[in-house]
Amino acid sequence: AETAPKEPVSPYGLEKLSADHYCRLFAELYGVETVALRY
């Protein structure tokens, strides 16, 4: 589930997690409408 622990095991996973968090923060801080789709 989306609420599962996030412990990336590669730089790629960590990079996607960082960008995923940036999307959430831009929505919260600046009102940018963002949706992250975890393929």
PDB file of all heavy atoms in Angstrom:
ATOM      1  N   ALA A   1       0.839  -1.199   0.000  1.00  0.00           N
ATOM      2  CA  ALA A   1       0.000   0.000   0.000  1.00  0.00           C
ATOM      3  C   ALA A   1       0.874   1.248   0.000  1.00  0.00           C
ATOM      4  O   ALA A   1       2.075   1.190   0.310  1.00  0.00           O
ATOM      5  CB  ALA A   1      -0.918  -0.004   1.213  1.00  0.00           C
ATOM      6  N   GLU A   2       0.278   2.377  -0.327  1.00  0.00           N
ATOM      7  CA  GLU A   2       1.022   3.636  -0.385  1.00  0.00           C
ATOM      8  C   GLU A   2       1.619   4.020   0.972  1.00  0.00           C
ATOM      9  O   GLU A   2       2.600   4.769   1.027  1.00  0.00           O
ATOM     10  CB  GLU A   2       0.118   4.766  -0.882  1.00  0.00           C
ATOM     11  CG  GLU A   2      -0.227   4.703  -2.352  1.00  0.00           C
ATOM     12  CD  GLU A   2      -1.405   3.791  -2.678  1.00  0.00           C
ATOM     13  OE1 GLU A   2      -1.931   3.115  -1.750  1.00  0.00           O
ATOM     14  OE2 GLU A   2      -1.800   3.744  -3.853  1.00  0.00           O
ATOM     15  N   THR A   3       1.025   3.524   2.044  1.00  0.00           N
ATOM     16  CA  THR A   3       1.508   3.845   3.387  1.00  0.00           C
ATOM     17  C   THR A   3       2.621   2.925   3.851  1.00  0.00           C
ATOM     18  O   THR A   3       3.141   3.097   4.966  1.00  0.00           O
ATOM     19  CB  THR A   3       0.338   3.755   4.384  1.00  0.00           C
ATOM     20  OG1 THR A   3      -0.275   2.460   4.264  1.00  0.00           O
ATOM     21  CG2 THR A   3      -0.691   4.839   4.116  1.00  0.00           C
ATOM     22  N   ALA A   4       3.019   1.957   3.041  1.00  0.00           N
ATOM     23  CA  ALA A   4       4.071   1.012   3.421  1.00  0.00           C
ATOM     24  C   ALA A   4       5.391   1.741   3.652  1.00  0.00           C
ATOM     25  O   ALA A   4       5.620   2.828   3.102  1.00  0.00           O
ATOM     26  CB  ALA A   4       4.241  -0.047   2.335  1.00  0.00           C
ATOM     27  N   PRO A   5       6.283   1.159   4.464  1.00  0.00           N
ATOM     28  CA  PRO A   5       7.607   1.773   4.660  1.00  0.00           C
ATOM     29  C   PRO A   5       8.331   1.969   3.340  1.00  0.00           C
ATOM     30  O   PRO A   5       8.194   1.165   2.411  1.00  0.00           O
ATOM     31  CB  PRO A   5       8.336   0.747   5.541  1.00  0.00           C
ATOM     32  CG  PRO A   5       7.249   0.003   6.245  1.00  0.00           C
ATOM     33  CD  PRO A   5       6.107  -0.062   5.269  1.00  0.00           C
ATOM     34  N   LYS A   6       9.088   3.041   3.286  1.00  0.00           N
ATOM     35  CA  LYS A   6       9.827   3.363   2.062  1.00  0.00           C
ATOM     36  C   LYS A   6      11.311   3.319   2.373  1.00  0.00           C
ATOM     37  O   LYS A   6      11.862   4.242   2.964  1.00  0.00           O
ATOM     38  CB  LYS A   6       9.380   4.724   1.531  1.00  0.00           C
ATOM     39  CG  LYS A   6       7.921   4.689   1.102  1.00  0.00           C
ATOM     40  CD  LYS A   6       7.289   6.054   1.022  1.00  0.00           C
ATOM     41  CE  LYS A   6       5.785   5.911   0.843  1.00  0.00           C
ATOM     42  NZ  LYS A   6       5.114   5.372   2.064  1.00  0.00           N
ATOM     43  N   GLU A   7      11.925   2.225   1.968  1.00  0.00           N
ATOM     44  CA  GLU A   7      13.347   1.982   2.210  1.00  0.00           C
ATOM     45  C   GLU A   7      14.008   1.579   0.896  1.00  0.00           C
ATOM     46  O   GLU A   7      14.293   0.409   0.661  1.00  0.00           O
ATOM     47  CB  GLU A   7      13.528   0.884   3.267  1.00  0.00           C
ATOM     48  CG  GLU A   7      12.949   1.194   4.636  1.00  0.00           C
ATOM     49  CD  GLU A   7      13.733   2.263   5.371  1.00  0.00           C
ATOM     50  OE1 GLU A   7      14.887   2.531   4.973  1.00  0.00           O
ATOM     51  OE2 GLU A   7      13.191   2.835   6.332  1.00  0.00           O
ATOM     52  N   PRO A   8      14.259   2.545   0.005  1.00  0.00           N
ATOM     53  CA  PRO A   8      14.831   2.205  -1.303  1.00  0.00           C
ATOM     54  C   PRO A   8      16.155   1.469  -1.164  1.00  0.00           C
ATOM     55  O   PRO A   8      16.932   1.734  -0.238  1.00  0.00           O
ATOM     56  CB  PRO A   8      15.028   3.572  -1.966  1.00  0.00           C
ATOM     57  CG  PRO A   8      14.100   4.498  -1.248  1.00  0.00           C
ATOM     58  CD  PRO A   8      14.026   4.000   0.155  1.00  0.00           C
ATOM     59  N   VAL A   9      16.404   0.563  -2.096  1.00  0.00           N
ATOM     60  CA  VAL A   9      17.633  -0.230  -2.062  1.00  0.00           C
ATOM     61  C   VAL A   9      18.564   0.133  -3.218  1.00  0.00           C
ATOM     62  O   VAL A   9      19.546  -0.555  -3.456  1.00  0.00           O
ATOM     63  CB  VAL A   9      17.310  -1.746  -2.087  1.00  0.00           C
ATOM     64  CG1 VAL A   9      16.572  -2.148  -0.831  1.00  0.00           C
ATOM     65  CG2 VAL A   9      16.504  -2.124  -3.329  1.00  0.00           C
ATOM     66  N   SER A  10      18.262   1.211  -3.929  1.00  0.00           N
ATOM     67  CA  SER A  10      19.112   1.671  -5.030  1.00  0.00           C
ATOM     68  C   SER A  10      19.048   3.190  -5.095  1.00  0.00           C
ATOM     69  O   SER A  10      18.085   3.798  -4.616  1.00  0.00           O
ATOM     70  CB  SER A  10      18.625   1.095  -6.368  1.00  0.00           C
ATOM     71  OG  SER A  10      17.349   1.631  -6.699  1.00  0.00           O
ATOM     72  N   PRO A  11      20.063   3.828  -5.683  1.00  0.00           N
ATOM     73  CA  PRO A  11      19.959   5.268  -5.907  1.00  0.00           C
ATOM     74  C   PRO A  11      18.706   5.631  -6.702  1.00  0.00           C
ATOM     75  O   PRO A  11      18.063   6.645  -6.414  1.00  0.00           O
ATOM     76  CB  PRO A  11      21.240   5.589  -6.676  1.00  0.00           C
ATOM     77  CG  PRO A  11      22.213   4.566  -6.208  1.00  0.00           C
ATOM     78  CD  PRO A  11      21.395   3.309  -6.045  1.00  0.00           C
ATOM     79  N   TYR A  12      18.342   4.808  -7.688  1.00  0.00           N
ATOM     80  CA  TYR A  12      17.134   5.083  -8.475  1.00  0.00           C
ATOM     81  C   TYR A  12      15.908   5.178  -7.574  1.00  0.00           C
ATOM     82  O   TYR A  12      15.109   6.122  -7.677  1.00  0.00           O
ATOM     83  CB  TYR A  12      16.934   3.992  -9.528  1.00  0.00           C
ATOM     84  CG  TYR A  12      15.601   4.075 -10.243  1.00  0.00           C
ATOM     85  CD1 TYR A  12      15.360   5.082 -11.174  1.00  0.00           C
ATOM     86  CD2 TYR A  12      14.581   3.161  -9.969  1.00  0.00           C
ATOM     87  CE1 TYR A  12      14.135   5.180 -11.821  1.00  0.00           C
ATOM     88  CE2 TYR A  12      13.363   3.247 -10.620  1.00  0.00           C
ATOM     89  CZ  TYR A  12      13.142   4.260 -11.545  1.00  0.00           C
ATOM     90  OH  TYR A  12      11.918   4.352 -12.174  1.00  0.00           O
ATOM     91  N   GLY A  13      15.728   4.212  -6.687  1.00  0.00           N
ATOM     92  CA  GLY A  13      14.579   4.239  -5.787  1.00  0.00           C
ATOM     93  C   GLY A  13      14.589   5.461  -4.887  1.00  0.00           C
ATOM     94  O   GLY A  13      13.551   6.078  -4.638  1.00  0.00           O
ATOM     95  N   LEU A  14      15.772   5.825  -4.395  1.00  0.00           N
ATOM     96  CA  LEU A  14      15.883   7.003  -3.539  1.00  0.00           C
ATOM     97  C   LEU A  14      15.601   8.273  -4.325  1.00  0.00           C
ATOM     98  O   LEU A  14      14.956   9.206  -3.815  1.00  0.00           O
ATOM     99  CB  LEU A  14      17.282   7.052  -2.921  1.00  0.00           C
ATOM    100  CG  LEU A  14      17.552   8.206  -1.947  1.00  0.00           C
ATOM    101  CD1 LEU A  14      16.551   8.188  -0.790  1.00  0.00           C
ATOM    102  CD2 LEU A  14      18.973   8.131  -1.421  1.00  0.00           C
ATOM    103  N   GLU A  15      16.054   8.310  -5.574  1.00  0.00           N
ATOM    104  CA  GLU A  15      15.798   9.475  -6.422  1.00  0.00           C
ATOM    105  C   GLU A  15      14.296   9.646  -6.675  1.00  0.00           C
ATOM    106  O   GLU A  15      13.765  10.758  -6.586  1.00  0.00           O
ATOM    107  CB  GLU A  15      16.554   9.319  -7.745  1.00  0.00           C
ATOM    108  CG  GLU A  15      18.061   9.440  -7.605  1.00  0.00           C
ATOM    109  CD  GLU A  15      18.844   8.725  -8.689  1.00  0.00           C
ATOM    110  OE1 GLU A  15      18.231   8.304  -9.692  1.00  0.00           O
ATOM    111  OE2 GLU A  15      20.069   8.581  -8.527  1.00  0.00           O
ATOM    112  N   LYS A  16      13.627   8.560  -6.981  1.00  0.00           N
ATOM    113  CA  LYS A  16      12.178   8.632  -7.206  1.00  0.00           C
ATOM    114  C   LYS A  16      11.444   9.017  -5.931  1.00  0.00           C
ATOM    115  O   LYS A  16      10.452   9.775  -5.974  1.00  0.00           O
ATOM    116  CB  LYS A  16      11.659   7.300  -7.752  1.00  0.00           C
ATOM    117  CG  LYS A  16      11.977   7.083  -9.223  1.00  0.00           C
ATOM    118  CD  LYS A  16      11.258   8.095 -10.108  1.00  0.00           C
ATOM    119  CE  LYS A  16      11.434   7.822 -11.575  1.00  0.00           C
ATOM    120  NZ  LYS A  16      10.733   8.819 -12.419  1.00  0.00           N
ATOM    121  N   LEU A  17      11.904   8.522  -4.788  1.00  0.00           N
ATOM    122  CA  LEU A  17      11.273   8.892  -3.526  1.00  0.00           C
ATOM    123  C   LEU A  17      11.468  10.378  -3.240  1.00  0.00           C
ATOM    124  O   LEU A  17      10.536  11.065  -2.785  1.00  0.00           O
ATOM    125  CB  LEU A  17      11.848   8.050  -2.392  1.00  0.00           C
ATOM    126  CG  LEU A  17      11.268   8.317  -1.000  1.00  0.00           C
ATOM    127  CD1 LEU A  17       9.756   8.096  -0.974  1.00  0.00           C
ATOM    128  CD2 LEU A  17      11.957   7.440   0.047  1.00  0.00           C
ATOM    129  N   SER A  18      12.662  10.893  -3.508  1.00  0.00           N
ATOM    130  CA  SER A  18      12.919  12.324  -3.292  1.00  0.00           C
ATOM    131  C   SER A  18      12.003  13.171  -4.165  1.00  0.00           C
ATOM    132  O   SER A  18      11.392  14.148  -3.696  1.00  0.00           O
ATOM    133  CB  SER A  18      14.383  12.651  -3.612  1.00  0.00           C
ATOM    134  OG  SER A  18      15.259  11.956  -2.760  1.00  0.00           O
ATOM    135  N   ALA A  19      11.883  12.805  -5.438  1.00  0.00           N
ATOM    136  CA  ALA A  19      11.021  13.553  -6.352  1.00  0.00           C
ATOM    137  C   ALA A  19       9.554  13.416  -5.958  1.00  0.00           C
ATOM    138  O   ALA A  19       8.778  14.382  -6.056  1.00  0.00           O
ATOM    139  CB  ALA A  19      11.247  13.062  -7.783  1.00  0.00           C
ATOM    140  N   ASP A  20       9.174  12.243  -5.532  1.00  0.00           N
ATOM    141  CA  ASP A  20       7.814  11.975  -5.037  1.00  0.00           C
ATOM    142  C   ASP A  20       7.492  12.912  -3.870  1.00  0.00           C
ATOM    143  O   ASP A  20       6.425  13.546  -3.807  1.00  0.00           O
ATOM    144  CB  ASP A  20       7.785  10.506  -4.600  1.00  0.00           C
ATOM    145  CG  ASP A  20       6.403   9.915  -4.399  1.00  0.00           C
ATOM    146  OD1 ASP A  20       5.645  10.478  -3.600  1.00  0.00           O
ATOM    147  OD2 ASP A  20       6.107   8.848  -4.981  1.00  0.00           O
ATOM    148  N   HIS A  21       8.441  13.036  -2.939  1.00  0.00           N
ATOM    149  CA  HIS A  21       8.257  13.946  -1.790  1.00  0.00           C
ATOM    150  C   HIS A  21       8.217  15.406  -2.241  1.00  0.00           C
ATOM    151  O   HIS A  21       7.453  16.211  -1.685  1.00  0.00           O
ATOM    152  CB  HIS A  21       9.370  13.751  -0.769  1.00  0.00           C
ATOM    153  CG  HIS A  21       9.198  12.564   0.119  1.00  0.00           C
ATOM    154  ND1 HIS A  21       7.969  12.129   0.551  1.00  0.00           N
ATOM    155  CD2 HIS A  21      10.105  11.721   0.677  1.00  0.00           C
ATOM    156  CE1 HIS A  21       8.125  11.069   1.333  1.00  0.00           C
ATOM    157  NE2 HIS A  21       9.415  10.797   1.415  1.00  0.00           N
ATOM    158  N   TYR A  22       9.032  15.762  -3.211  1.00  0.00           N
ATOM    159  CA  TYR A  22       8.993  17.131  -3.721  1.00  0.00           C
ATOM    160  C   TYR A  22       7.605  17.472  -4.271  1.00  0.00           C
ATOM    161  O   TYR A  22       7.105  18.593  -4.078  1.00  0.00           O
ATOM    162  CB  TYR A  22      10.051  17.341  -4.807  1.00  0.00           C
ATOM    163  CG  TYR A  22      11.344  17.937  -4.306  1.00  0.00           C
ATOM    164  CD1 TYR A  22      12.550  17.268  -4.474  1.00  0.00           C
ATOM    165  CD2 TYR A  22      11.353  19.183  -3.675  1.00  0.00           C
ATOM    166  CE1 TYR A  22      13.748  17.819  -4.024  1.00  0.00           C
ATOM    167  CE2 TYR A  22      12.541  19.741  -3.212  1.00  0.00           C
ATOM    168  CZ  TYR A  22      13.737  19.052  -3.385  1.00  0.00           C
ATOM    169  OH  TYR A  22      14.904  19.601  -2.929  1.00  0.00           O
ATOM    170  N   CYS A  23       6.984  16.501  -4.940  1.00  0.00           N
ATOM    171  CA  CYS A  23       5.629  16.741  -5.451  1.00  0.00           C
ATOM    172  C   CYS A  23       4.664  17.055  -4.312  1.00  0.00           C
ATOM    173  O   CYS A  23       3.856  17.989  -4.397  1.00  0.00           O
ATOM    174  CB  CYS A  23       5.145  15.523  -6.238  1.00  0.00           C
ATOM    175  SG  CYS A  23       5.953  15.301  -7.835  1.00  0.00           S
ATOM    176  N   ARG A  24       4.744  16.273  -3.256  1.00  0.00           N
ATOM    177  CA  ARG A  24       3.862  16.505  -2.107  1.00  0.00           C
ATOM    178  C   ARG A  24       4.139  17.866  -1.476  1.00  0.00           C
ATOM    179  O   ARG A  24       3.212  18.611  -1.142  1.00  0.00           O
ATOM    180  CB  ARG A  24       4.063  15.389  -1.079  1.00  0.00           C
ATOM    181  CG  ARG A  24       3.236  15.565   0.196  1.00  0.00           C
ATOM    182  CD  ARG A  24       3.467  14.422   1.173  1.00  0.00           C
ATOM    183  NE  ARG A  24       4.876  14.236   1.500  1.00  0.00           N
ATOM    184  CZ  ARG A  24       5.529  14.976   2.393  1.00  0.00           C
ATOM    185  NH1 ARG A  24       4.909  15.962   3.047  1.00  0.00           N
ATOM    186  NH2 ARG A  24       6.807  14.743   2.660  1.00  0.00           N
ATOM    187  N   LEU A  25       5.424  18.204  -1.321  1.00  0.00           N
ATOM    188  CA  LEU A  25       5.770  19.483  -0.690  1.00  0.00           C
ATOM    189  C   LEU A  25       5.334  20.673  -1.539  1.00  0.00           C
ATOM    190  O   LEU A  25       4.871  21.688  -0.994  1.00  0.00           O
ATOM    191  CB  LEU A  25       7.278  19.550  -0.441  1.00  0.00           C
ATOM    192  CG  LEU A  25       7.786  18.798   0.791  1.00  0.00           C
ATOM    193  CD1 LEU A  25       9.303  18.821   0.826  1.00  0.00           C
ATOM    194  CD2 LEU A  25       7.220  19.402   2.065  1.00  0.00           C
ATOM    195  N   PHE A  26       5.483  20.589  -2.849  1.00  0.00           N
ATOM    196  CA  PHE A  26       5.050  21.694  -3.703  1.00  0.00           C
ATOM    197  C   PHE A  26       3.535  21.884  -3.633  1.00  0.00           C
ATOM    198  O   PHE A  26       3.040  23.013  -3.735  1.00  0.00           O
ATOM    199  CB  PHE A  26       5.505  21.471  -5.146  1.00  0.00           C
ATOM    200  CG  PHE A  26       6.790  22.165  -5.480  1.00  0.00           C
ATOM    201  CD1 PHE A  26       7.977  21.771  -4.870  1.00  0.00           C
ATOM    202  CD2 PHE A  26       6.828  23.219  -6.373  1.00  0.00           C
ATOM    203  CE1 PHE A  26       9.172  22.406  -5.158  1.00  0.00           C
ATOM    204  CE2 PHE A  26       8.016  23.868  -6.669  1.00  0.00           C
ATOM    205  CZ  PHE A  26       9.205  23.465  -6.055  1.00  0.00           C
ATOM    206  N   ALA A  27       2.811  20.799  -3.437  1.00  0.00           N
ATOM    207  CA  ALA A  27       1.366  20.924  -3.250  1.00  0.00           C
ATOM    208  C   ALA A  27       1.051  21.599  -1.923  1.00  0.00           C
ATOM    209  O   ALA A  27       0.194  22.490  -1.849  1.00  0.00           O
ATOM    210  CB  ALA A  27       0.707  19.545  -3.317  1.00  0.00           C
ATOM    211  N   GLU A  28       1.748  21.198  -0.874  1.00  0.00           N
ATOM    212  CA  GLU A  28       1.465  21.731   0.459  1.00  0.00           C
ATOM    213  C   GLU A  28       1.966  23.163   0.635  1.00  0.00           C
ATOM    214  O   GLU A  28       1.281  23.998   1.230  1.00  0.00           O
ATOM    215  CB  GLU A  28       2.096  20.829   1.518  1.00  0.00           C
ATOM    216  CG  GLU A  28       1.465  19.441   1.606  1.00  0.00           C
ATOM    217  CD  GLU A  28       2.157  18.548   2.608  1.00  0.00           C
ATOM    218  OE1 GLU A  28       3.170  18.980   3.210  1.00  0.00           O
ATOM    219  OE2 GLU A  28       1.688  17.401   2.806  1.00  0.00           O
ATOM    220  N   LEU A  29       3.159  23.443   0.125  1.00  0.00           N
ATOM    221  CA  LEU A  29       3.772  24.747   0.366  1.00  0.00           C
ATOM    222  C   LEU A  29       3.327  25.819  -0.620  1.00  0.00           C
ATOM    223  O   LEU A  29       3.178  26.988  -0.253  1.00  0.00           O
ATOM    224  CB  LEU A  29       5.303  24.625   0.297  1.00  0.00           C
ATOM    225  CG  LEU A  29       5.982  23.801   1.392  1.00  0.00           C
ATOM    226  CD1 LEU A  29       7.474  23.701   1.119  1.00  0.00           C
ATOM    227  CD2 LEU A  29       5.735  24.419   2.767  1.00  0.00           C
ATOM    228  N   TYR A  30       3.142  25.430  -1.885  1.00  0.00           N
ATOM    229  CA  TYR A  30       2.919  26.414  -2.937  1.00  0.00           C
ATOM    230  C   TYR A  30       1.580  26.264  -3.645  1.00  0.00           C
ATOM    231  O   TYR A  30       1.268  27.060  -4.529  1.00  0.00           O
ATOM    232  CB  TYR A  30       4.039  26.333  -3.986  1.00  0.00           C
ATOM    233  CG  TYR A  30       5.431  26.389  -3.402  1.00  0.00           C
ATOM    234  CD1 TYR A  30       6.327  25.345  -3.617  1.00  0.00           C
ATOM    235  CD2 TYR A  30       5.853  27.483  -2.633  1.00  0.00           C
ATOM    236  CE1 TYR A  30       7.608  25.384  -3.084  1.00  0.00           C
ATOM    237  CE2 TYR A  30       7.133  27.521  -2.094  1.00  0.00           C
ATOM    238  CZ  TYR A  30       8.005  26.472  -2.320  1.00  0.00           C
ATOM    239  OH  TYR A  30       9.269  26.512  -1.796  1.00  0.00           O
ATOM    240  N   GLY A  31       0.824  25.251  -3.283  1.00  0.00           N
ATOM    241  CA  GLY A  31      -0.478  25.063  -3.924  1.00  0.00           C
ATOM    242  C   GLY A  31      -0.412  24.520  -5.333  1.00  0.00           C
ATOM    243  O   GLY A  31      -1.400  24.593  -6.079  1.00  0.00           O
ATOM    244  N   VAL A  32       0.735  23.956  -5.725  1.00  0.00           N
ATOM    245  CA  VAL A  32       0.841  23.333  -7.047  1.00  0.00           C
ATOM    246  C   VAL A  32       0.073  22.007  -7.014  1.00  0.00           C
ATOM    247  O   VAL A  32       0.282  21.176  -6.130  1.00  0.00           O
ATOM    248  CB  VAL A  32       2.318  23.081  -7.432  1.00  0.00           C
ATOM    249  CG1 VAL A  32       2.404  22.385  -8.792  1.00  0.00           C
ATOM    250  CG2 VAL A  32       3.097  24.384  -7.452  1.00  0.00           C
ATOM    251  N   GLU A  33      -0.819  21.822  -7.964  1.00  0.00           N
ATOM    252  CA  GLU A  33      -1.564  20.566  -8.026  1.00  0.00           C
ATOM    253  C   GLU A  33      -0.647  19.477  -8.565  1.00  0.00           C
ATOM    254  O   GLU A  33      -0.206  19.546  -9.709  1.00  0.00           O
ATOM    255  CB  GLU A  33      -2.800  20.720  -8.915  1.00  0.00           C
ATOM    256  CG  GLU A  33      -3.827  21.684  -8.355  1.00  0.00           C
ATOM    257  CD  GLU A  33      -5.080  21.756  -9.212  1.00  0.00           C
ATOM    258  OE1 GLU A  33      -5.094  21.161 -10.311  1.00  0.00           O
ATOM    259  OE2 GLU A  33      -6.045  22.416  -8.786  1.00  0.00           O
ATOM    260  N   THR A  34      -0.340  18.503  -7.724  1.00  0.00           N
ATOM    261  CA  THR A  34       0.548  17.416  -8.132  1.00  0.00           C
ATOM    262  C   THR A  34      -0.109  16.073  -7.840  1.00  0.00           C
ATOM    263  O   THR A  34      -0.880  15.932  -6.885  1.00  0.00           O
ATOM    264  CB  THR A  34       1.894  17.465  -7.384  1.00  0.00           C
ATOM    265  OG1 THR A  34       1.672  17.266  -5.984  1.00  0.00           O
ATOM    266  CG2 THR A  34       2.606  18.790  -7.603  1.00  0.00           C
ATOM    267  N   VAL A  35       0.212  15.102  -8.684  1.00  0.00           N
ATOM    268  CA  VAL A  35      -0.196  13.713  -8.464  1.00  0.00           C
ATOM    269  C   VAL A  35       0.994  12.841  -8.832  1.00  0.00           C
ATOM    270  O   VAL A  35       1.523  12.949  -9.944  1.00  0.00           O
ATOM    271  CB  VAL A  35      -1.413  13.309  -9.329  1.00  0.00           C
ATOM    272  CG1 VAL A  35      -1.815  11.856  -9.026  1.00  0.00           C
ATOM    273  CG2 VAL A  35      -2.587  14.252  -9.088  1.00  0.00           C
ATOM    274  N   ALA A  36       1.432  12.000  -7.903  1.00  0.00           N
ATOM    275  CA  ALA A  36       2.531  11.074  -8.163  1.00  0.00           C
ATOM    276  C   ALA A  36       1.958   9.680  -8.399  1.00  0.00           C
ATOM    277  O   ALA A  36       1.171   9.188  -7.592  1.00  0.00           O
ATOM    278  CB  ALA A  36       3.507  11.057  -6.992  1.00  0.00           C
ATOM    279  N   LEU A  37       2.344   9.078  -9.498  1.00  0.00           N
ATOM    280  CA  LEU A  37       1.889   7.730  -9.839  1.00  0.00           C
ATOM    281  C   LEU A  37       3.067   6.771  -9.708  1.00  0.00           C
ATOM    282  O   LEU A  37       4.053   6.884 -10.448  1.00  0.00           O
ATOM    283  CB  LEU A  37       1.348   7.699 -11.275  1.00  0.00           C
ATOM    284  CG  LEU A  37       0.178   8.640 -11.565  1.00  0.00           C
ATOM    285  CD1 LEU A  37      -0.232   8.517 -13.031  1.00  0.00           C
ATOM    286  CD2 LEU A  37      -1.009   8.347 -10.651  1.00  0.00           C
ATOM    287  N   ARG A  38       2.949   5.854  -8.763  1.00  0.00           N
ATOM    288  CA  ARG A  38       4.032   4.902  -8.509  1.00  0.00           C
ATOM    289  C   ARG A  38       3.832   3.669  -9.389  1.00  0.00           C
ATOM    290  O   ARG A  38       3.105   2.750  -9.036  1.00  0.00           O
ATOM    291  CB  ARG A  38       4.075   4.541  -7.026  1.00  0.00           C
ATOM    292  CG  ARG A  38       4.452   5.732  -6.156  1.00  0.00           C
ATOM    293  CD  ARG A  38       4.315   5.451  -4.680  1.00  0.00           C
ATOM    294  NE  ARG A  38       4.640   6.649  -3.886  1.00  0.00           N
ATOM    295  CZ  ARG A  38       4.306   6.833  -2.617  1.00  0.00           C
ATOM    296  NH1 ARG A  38       3.640   5.877  -1.963  1.00  0.00           N
ATOM    297  NH2 ARG A  38       4.625   7.945  -2.000  1.00  0.00           N
ATOM    298  N   TYR A  39       4.498   3.692 -10.537  1.00  0.00           N
ATOM    299  CA  TYR A  39       4.379   2.597 -11.494  1.00  0.00           C
ATOM    300  C   TYR A  39       5.028   1.335 -10.939  1.00  0.00           C
ATOM    301  O   TYR A  39       6.137   1.381 -10.392  1.00  0.00           O
ATOM    302  CB  TYR A  39       5.090   2.918 -12.811  1.00  0.00           C
ATOM    303  CG  TYR A  39       4.636   4.146 -13.563  1.00  0.00           C
ATOM    304  CD1 TYR A  39       5.425   4.654 -14.591  1.00  0.00           C
ATOM    305  CD2 TYR A  39       3.435   4.797 -13.278  1.00  0.00           C
ATOM    306  CE1 TYR A  39       5.045   5.765 -15.320  1.00  0.00           C
ATOM    307  CE2 TYR A  39       3.040   5.913 -14.013  1.00  0.00           C
ATOM    308  CZ  TYR A  39       3.858   6.396 -15.024  1.00  0.00           C
ATOM    309  OH  TYR A  39       3.475   7.495 -15.746  1.00  0.00           O
TER     310      TYR A  39
END
